[in-house]
C-alpha cells in the first residue's frame, strides 16, 4: 500500500499500445472521482499536482488525500507527480514530501540552460528513487501558472531529443506537437490536428522511450453545454479530438495529461445543482454531483481514449 513510480507503468504502456492518464488534483472530491473510476476499471493512474494546486490545497493535504485513496484501494497503482515544476527548489520539496515523480519545466529556457536545470533535478531525484519528466518545445495556452501565447509557442525539434535525453538522464519527455493548455485550445472553425510526423520522428530517434502529451483535454461539449445552460459563459471552448489522442496512445505516448476536462465536469455539476435548486447550501450536495461527473469523465478517458483499463493486473504487486 504505497505510491509507485511511473517506470513500470510506462514500460507496460509502451509495449501494450496504451497510455496512462495523468489527472490533476485540487481537492478531495476530484481525488475520489478519479480513483473510484480507476479502481472500477483496474487502471493504473498518475495523480498530479501543479504549483497552483499546491498553493491552493497545500502539498501536505494533497499527499494525505492520495494516501487515503491508497488506503481504500491498496492494489491500485498510483504515482504522485508534480506537474510543471518551475524550478529545482519546488521539485526538491515535492521529492522530500513523498512525490514519486516530478516534472521540471525549463522549456522556456535556452536549450543548454534547460539541460543544466533538468540535470540538477534528475541527479537529486534519482538519488531519492524518484523519476523525472522534462519538456522540449513550448505549448500555448493558459493553465494555472503556465501562460504562453500562440506566438511564443514552438513545436519540439526532433533533432534535439537525443542530446537532451542523453545529457540529462531524464525518464520521460513531454513534447509539443499541437496540444495546448486550457479549455480554449483552438480557434473556432479550425480543425485541430496533432503533428504526428514530429511524434514519429521523435519515436524513431528515441526507440522505447516514454513520451508525454500535455494540454490534452478534449473539452467535452456535453459539459460545456450544461455549464452554459446554467449561467456559464464558455464560448468557443474547443479541445483535442479524442481519436487523435487514442492514436497517440497507441504509439510512444505513455502519459496523457487531463485537467481542464475535470474542471468542466466539476463546474457543470455544481452549476446544474444550484440552478435546479437555488435553496441548496450544503457543499456535500453539489460537490457530490460534480464528483460524479469527474468520475464519469475519467471512466470514459480510461476506456475509450487511453486504453488502460485492465492494465493494473499487468503490473507487479507492491
Protein backbone atom coordinates (compact mmCIF):
# COMPACT_ATOMS: atom_id res chain seq x y z
CA UNK A 1 0.00 0.00 0.00
CA UNK A 2 2.42 2.62 -1.25
CA UNK A 3 2.90 5.02 -4.10
CA UNK A 4 4.83 3.81 -7.15
CA UNK A 5 6.97 5.49 -9.78
CA UNK A 6 5.94 5.55 -13.43
CA UNK A 7 8.80 3.33 -14.63
CA UNK A 8 6.92 0.03 -14.88
CA UNK A 9 3.67 1.80 -15.81
CA UNK A 10 5.32 3.34 -18.86
CA UNK A 11 7.14 0.15 -19.88
CA UNK A 12 3.87 -1.80 -19.95
CA UNK A 13 2.01 1.06 -21.63
CA UNK A 14 4.62 1.33 -24.38
CA UNK A 15 4.51 -2.40 -25.02
CA UNK A 16 0.72 -2.56 -24.81
CA UNK A 17 -0.15 0.39 -27.02
CA UNK A 18 -1.99 2.41 -24.39
CA UNK A 19 -1.30 5.46 -22.22
CA UNK A 20 -1.57 6.21 -18.51
CA UNK A 21 -3.91 9.02 -17.55
CA UNK A 22 -2.28 11.84 -15.58
CA UNK A 23 -5.16 13.60 -13.84
CA UNK A 24 -4.71 16.87 -11.99
CA UNK A 25 -5.96 17.02 -8.42
CA UNK A 26 -7.01 20.03 -6.36
CA UNK A 27 -9.40 18.74 -3.68
CA UNK A 28 -10.86 15.62 -2.08
CA UNK A 29 -13.79 15.21 -4.47
CA UNK A 30 -11.55 15.23 -7.53
CA UNK A 31 -9.26 12.62 -5.95
CA UNK A 32 -12.30 10.50 -5.10
CA UNK A 33 -13.81 10.70 -8.58
CA UNK A 34 -10.54 9.78 -10.30
CA UNK A 35 -9.60 6.90 -8.02
CA UNK A 36 -13.09 5.37 -7.91
CA UNK A 37 -13.12 5.23 -11.71
CA UNK A 38 -9.60 3.81 -11.91
CA UNK A 39 -10.36 1.17 -9.26
CA UNK A 40 -13.50 0.01 -11.02
CA UNK A 41 -11.68 -0.24 -14.36
CA UNK A 42 -8.48 -1.76 -12.97
CA UNK A 43 -6.39 1.05 -14.43
CA UNK A 44 -3.11 2.46 -13.13
CA UNK A 45 -3.17 6.23 -12.77
CA UNK A 46 -0.99 9.25 -12.16
CA UNK A 47 -2.35 11.86 -9.78
CA UNK A 48 -0.57 15.12 -10.41
CA UNK A 49 -0.45 18.43 -8.61
CA UNK A 50 0.60 21.70 -10.16
CA UNK A 51 2.25 24.63 -8.42
CA UNK A 52 -1.19 26.24 -8.31
CA UNK A 53 -2.78 23.16 -6.73
CA UNK A 54 -0.10 23.04 -4.05
CA UNK A 55 -0.64 26.72 -3.29
CA UNK A 56 -4.41 26.22 -3.10
CA UNK A 57 -4.65 22.99 -1.11
CA UNK A 58 -1.19 22.76 0.50
CA UNK A 59 1.08 19.91 -0.54
CA UNK A 60 0.59 18.08 2.77
CA UNK A 61 -3.17 17.88 2.26
CA UNK A 62 -2.73 16.60 -1.30
CA UNK A 63 -0.28 13.89 -0.24
CA UNK A 64 -2.59 12.78 2.57
CA UNK A 65 -5.61 12.68 0.25
CA UNK A 66 -3.70 10.40 -2.11
CA UNK A 67 -2.60 8.25 0.80
CA UNK A 68 -6.26 7.99 1.78
CA UNK A 69 -7.11 6.72 -1.69
CA UNK A 70 -4.39 4.10 -1.35
CA UNK A 71 -5.94 3.03 1.93
CA UNK A 72 -9.23 2.39 0.14
CA UNK A 73 -7.67 0.80 -2.95
CA UNK A 74 -4.39 -0.83 -1.85
CA UNK A 75 -3.97 -2.71 -5.13
CA UNK A 76 -4.41 0.37 -7.33
CA UNK A 77 -1.07 1.52 -8.81
CA UNK A 78 -0.84 5.27 -8.19
CA UNK A 79 2.05 7.60 -8.92
CA UNK A 80 2.05 11.07 -7.34
CA UNK A 81 3.53 13.58 -9.76
CA UNK A 82 4.47 17.26 -9.73
CA UNK A 83 3.08 18.92 -12.85
CA UNK A 84 5.12 21.77 -14.36
CA UNK A 85 7.65 22.21 -11.60
CA UNK A 86 9.07 25.69 -12.23
CA UNK A 87 12.45 25.25 -10.53
CA UNK A 88 14.78 22.91 -8.64
CA UNK A 89 13.54 24.06 -5.23
CA UNK A 90 9.91 23.14 -5.99
CA UNK A 91 10.93 19.75 -7.34
CA UNK A 92 13.12 19.09 -4.29
CA UNK A 93 10.30 20.00 -1.92
CA UNK A 94 7.95 17.55 -3.64
CA UNK A 95 10.56 14.79 -3.66
CA UNK A 96 11.20 15.33 0.04
CA UNK A 97 7.46 15.28 0.83
CA UNK A 98 6.65 11.95 -0.80
CA UNK A 99 6.04 12.55 -4.52
CA UNK A 100 7.27 9.65 -6.65
CA UNK A 101 7.60 11.62 -9.88
CA UNK A 102 8.35 15.25 -10.71
CA UNK A 103 8.32 17.36 -13.84
CA UNK A 104 10.87 20.10 -14.24
CA UNK A 105 9.65 22.53 -16.87
CA UNK A 106 12.55 24.61 -18.13
CA UNK A 107 11.21 24.56 -21.70
CA UNK A 108 11.09 28.35 -21.75
CA UNK A 109 14.86 28.50 -21.28
CA UNK A 110 17.55 28.15 -23.92
CA UNK A 111 18.38 24.55 -24.84
CA UNK A 112 21.64 24.36 -22.85
CA UNK A 113 20.03 26.02 -19.82
CA UNK A 114 17.16 23.52 -19.98
CA UNK A 115 19.72 20.71 -19.91
CA UNK A 116 21.52 22.27 -16.95
CA UNK A 117 18.39 22.74 -14.83
CA UNK A 118 16.92 19.36 -15.74
CA UNK A 119 20.18 17.54 -14.99
CA UNK A 120 20.28 19.03 -11.49
CA UNK A 121 16.74 17.83 -10.77
CA UNK A 122 17.46 14.37 -12.22
CA UNK A 123 20.55 13.97 -10.04
CA UNK A 124 18.64 14.75 -6.84
CA UNK A 125 15.50 12.81 -7.81
CA UNK A 126 17.29 9.63 -8.82
CA UNK A 127 19.26 9.66 -5.60
CA UNK A 128 15.90 9.53 -3.80
CA UNK A 129 14.23 6.91 -6.01
CA UNK A 130 12.06 9.45 -7.85
CA UNK A 131 11.63 9.71 -11.64
CA UNK A 132 11.75 12.90 -13.69
CA UNK A 133 9.84 14.28 -16.66
CA UNK A 134 11.09 17.26 -18.65
CA UNK A 135 9.83 19.21 -21.67
CA UNK A 136 11.19 20.24 -25.05
CA UNK A 137 9.14 22.67 -27.10
CA UNK A 138 6.60 25.06 -25.63
CA UNK A 139 2.82 24.61 -25.53
CA UNK A 140 0.50 27.57 -25.96
CA UNK A 141 -2.43 28.21 -23.63
CA UNK A 142 -3.25 29.08 -20.04
CA UNK A 143 -3.37 26.69 -17.09
CA UNK A 144 -2.51 27.72 -13.53
CA UNK A 145 0.89 29.45 -13.72
CA UNK A 146 1.52 28.32 -17.30
CA UNK A 147 0.65 31.16 -19.67
CA UNK A 148 2.14 31.04 -23.17
CA UNK A 149 0.86 32.95 -26.18
CA UNK A 150 0.46 31.27 -29.54
CA UNK A 151 3.26 33.46 -30.87
CA UNK A 152 5.67 32.23 -28.18
CA UNK A 153 4.81 28.54 -28.51
CA UNK A 154 7.02 26.19 -30.51
CA UNK A 155 6.98 22.61 -31.73
CA UNK A 156 9.57 20.21 -30.42
CA UNK A 157 12.59 19.88 -32.70
CA UNK A 158 13.23 16.13 -33.09
CA UNK A 159 16.91 16.83 -33.75
CA UNK A 160 17.29 17.93 -30.11
CA UNK A 161 15.74 15.00 -28.30
CA UNK A 162 18.63 12.51 -28.31
CA UNK A 163 21.13 15.01 -26.98
CA UNK A 164 18.70 16.24 -24.35
CA UNK A 165 17.80 12.78 -23.03
CA UNK A 166 21.40 11.55 -23.08
CA UNK A 167 22.80 14.59 -21.29
CA UNK A 168 20.08 14.88 -18.64
CA UNK A 169 19.22 11.24 -17.90
CA UNK A 170 15.55 12.21 -17.76
CA UNK A 171 12.99 9.36 -17.54
CA UNK A 172 10.26 10.72 -19.84
CA UNK A 173 9.88 13.64 -22.20
CA UNK A 174 6.95 15.96 -22.85
CA UNK A 175 6.88 17.17 -26.44
CA UNK A 176 4.92 19.87 -28.25
CA UNK A 177 3.03 18.52 -31.27
CA UNK A 178 -0.02 20.79 -31.30
CA UNK A 179 -1.78 20.28 -27.99
CA UNK A 180 -2.49 23.33 -25.84
CA UNK A 181 -3.26 24.17 -22.22
CA UNK A 182 -6.71 25.20 -21.04
CA UNK A 183 -10.22 24.98 -22.49
CA UNK A 184 -9.66 27.41 -25.38
CA UNK A 185 -7.09 25.46 -27.35
CA UNK A 186 -8.08 26.25 -30.92
CA UNK A 187 -9.83 28.98 -32.87
CA UNK A 188 -13.47 28.33 -33.85
CA UNK A 189 -13.81 26.90 -37.33
CA UNK A 190 -10.36 25.34 -37.35
CA UNK A 191 -9.76 21.60 -37.43
CA UNK A 192 -7.29 20.63 -34.69
CA UNK A 193 -4.54 18.36 -35.98
CA UNK A 194 -1.65 16.98 -33.98
CA UNK A 195 1.76 16.79 -35.65
CA UNK A 196 2.15 13.04 -35.80
CA UNK A 197 5.11 13.48 -38.13
CA UNK A 198 7.04 15.06 -35.23
CA UNK A 199 5.95 12.28 -32.87
CA UNK A 200 7.06 9.63 -35.35
CA UNK A 201 10.48 11.23 -35.79
CA UNK A 202 10.95 11.58 -32.03
CA UNK A 203 10.00 7.91 -31.63
CA UNK A 204 12.50 6.90 -34.30
CA UNK A 205 15.26 8.80 -32.52
CA UNK A 206 14.26 7.56 -29.04
CA UNK A 207 13.07 3.97 -29.52
CA UNK A 208 11.28 2.59 -26.46
CA UNK A 209 11.42 5.92 -24.63
CA UNK A 210 8.17 7.18 -22.97
CA UNK A 211 6.71 10.36 -24.44
CA UNK A 212 4.24 12.67 -22.66
CA UNK A 213 1.45 14.89 -24.01
CA UNK A 214 0.45 17.97 -22.02
CA UNK A 215 -2.62 20.08 -22.75
CA UNK A 216 -4.55 17.03 -23.91
CA UNK A 217 -8.04 17.74 -22.55
CA UNK A 218 -10.74 17.33 -25.17
CA UNK A 219 -13.21 19.82 -23.66
CA UNK A 220 -16.30 17.56 -23.85
CA UNK A 221 -19.12 19.62 -25.26
CA UNK A 222 -21.83 17.96 -23.17
CA UNK A 223 -20.34 19.56 -20.06
CA UNK A 224 -19.76 22.88 -21.79
CA UNK A 225 -23.48 22.86 -22.68
CA UNK A 226 -24.50 22.06 -19.09
CA UNK A 227 -22.37 24.95 -17.83
CA UNK A 228 -23.71 27.41 -20.39
CA UNK A 229 -27.31 26.28 -19.80
CA UNK A 230 -26.89 27.04 -16.12
CA UNK A 231 -25.46 30.54 -16.17
CA UNK A 232 -21.99 29.88 -17.59
CA UNK A 233 -20.28 31.67 -20.45
CA UNK A 234 -17.84 29.24 -22.04
CA UNK A 235 -17.96 30.33 -25.65
CA UNK A 236 -15.76 28.65 -28.26
CA UNK A 237 -14.17 26.20 -25.80
CA UNK A 238 -12.53 23.61 -28.04
CA UNK A 239 -10.21 20.72 -27.17
CA UNK A 240 -8.06 18.00 -28.71
CA UNK A 241 -10.04 15.38 -30.69
CA UNK A 242 -10.11 12.13 -28.77
CA UNK A 243 -9.44 9.97 -31.82
CA UNK A 244 -6.09 11.73 -32.22
CA UNK A 245 -5.25 11.14 -28.57
CA UNK A 246 -6.08 7.45 -28.97
CA UNK A 247 -3.77 7.32 -31.99
CA UNK A 248 -1.00 8.91 -29.93
CA UNK A 249 -1.58 6.43 -27.09
CA UNK A 250 -1.02 3.55 -29.49
CA UNK A 251 2.46 4.82 -30.26
CA UNK A 252 5.20 6.11 -27.95
CA UNK A 253 2.94 8.36 -25.86
CA UNK A 254 2.74 6.71 -22.44
CA UNK A 255 1.30 9.60 -20.39
CA UNK A 256 -1.55 11.92 -21.35
CA UNK A 257 -2.36 14.87 -19.09
CA UNK A 258 -6.00 15.73 -18.37
CA UNK A 259 -7.00 18.72 -16.25
CA UNK A 260 -9.46 21.08 -17.97
CA UNK A 261 -11.96 18.29 -18.63
CA UNK A 262 -12.13 17.53 -14.90
CA UNK A 263 -12.66 21.21 -14.10
CA UNK A 264 -15.51 21.32 -16.61
CA UNK A 265 -17.17 18.26 -15.07
CA UNK A 266 -16.92 19.61 -11.54
CA UNK A 267 -18.20 23.04 -12.58
CA UNK A 268 -21.07 21.55 -14.62
CA UNK A 269 -22.28 19.54 -11.62
CA UNK A 270 -22.16 22.49 -9.25
CA UNK A 271 -23.85 24.94 -11.63
CA UNK A 272 -26.54 22.44 -12.53
CA UNK A 273 -27.33 21.79 -8.88
CA UNK A 274 -27.51 25.49 -7.96
CA UNK A 275 -29.88 26.32 -10.80
CA UNK A 276 -32.04 23.25 -10.23
CA UNK A 277 -32.44 24.05 -6.55
CA UNK A 278 -31.41 27.59 -5.53
CA UNK A 279 -32.06 26.73 -1.87
CA UNK A 280 -29.12 24.30 -1.78
CA UNK A 281 -26.30 25.37 0.52
CA UNK A 282 -24.82 22.07 1.71
CA UNK A 283 -21.47 21.58 -0.09
CA UNK A 284 -21.87 17.82 0.16
CA UNK A 285 -24.87 18.01 -2.14
CA UNK A 286 -23.45 20.00 -5.03
CA UNK A 287 -19.90 18.65 -4.74
CA UNK A 288 -21.31 15.13 -4.92
CA UNK A 289 -22.78 15.84 -8.36
CA UNK A 290 -19.53 17.39 -9.55
CA UNK A 291 -17.60 14.40 -8.22
CA UNK A 292 -19.82 12.02 -10.19
CA UNK A 293 -19.17 13.96 -13.39
CA UNK A 294 -15.43 13.80 -12.73
CA UNK A 295 -15.73 10.04 -12.27
CA UNK A 296 -17.74 9.70 -15.49
CA UNK A 297 -15.13 11.66 -17.43
CA UNK A 298 -12.23 9.62 -16.07
CA UNK A 299 -14.04 6.35 -16.81
CA UNK A 300 -14.60 7.45 -20.39
CA UNK A 301 -10.98 8.53 -20.81
CA UNK A 302 -9.63 5.25 -19.45
CA UNK A 303 -11.86 3.04 -21.60
CA UNK A 304 -12.20 4.98 -24.84
CA UNK A 305 -9.13 7.21 -25.11
CA UNK A 306 -6.23 5.88 -23.04
CA UNK A 307 -6.99 2.17 -23.37
CA UNK A 308 -5.55 1.49 -19.92
CA UNK A 309 -8.49 -0.41 -18.45
CA UNK A 310 -7.41 -3.78 -17.08
CA UNK A 311 -3.76 -2.77 -17.06
CA UNK A 312 -3.28 -2.76 -13.28
CA UNK A 313 -3.20 -6.54 -13.18
CA UNK A 314 -0.20 -6.49 -15.54
CA UNK A 315 1.93 -4.61 -13.01
CA UNK A 316 3.89 -6.23 -10.23
CA UNK A 317 2.08 -6.33 -6.91
CA UNK A 318 3.54 -3.98 -4.34
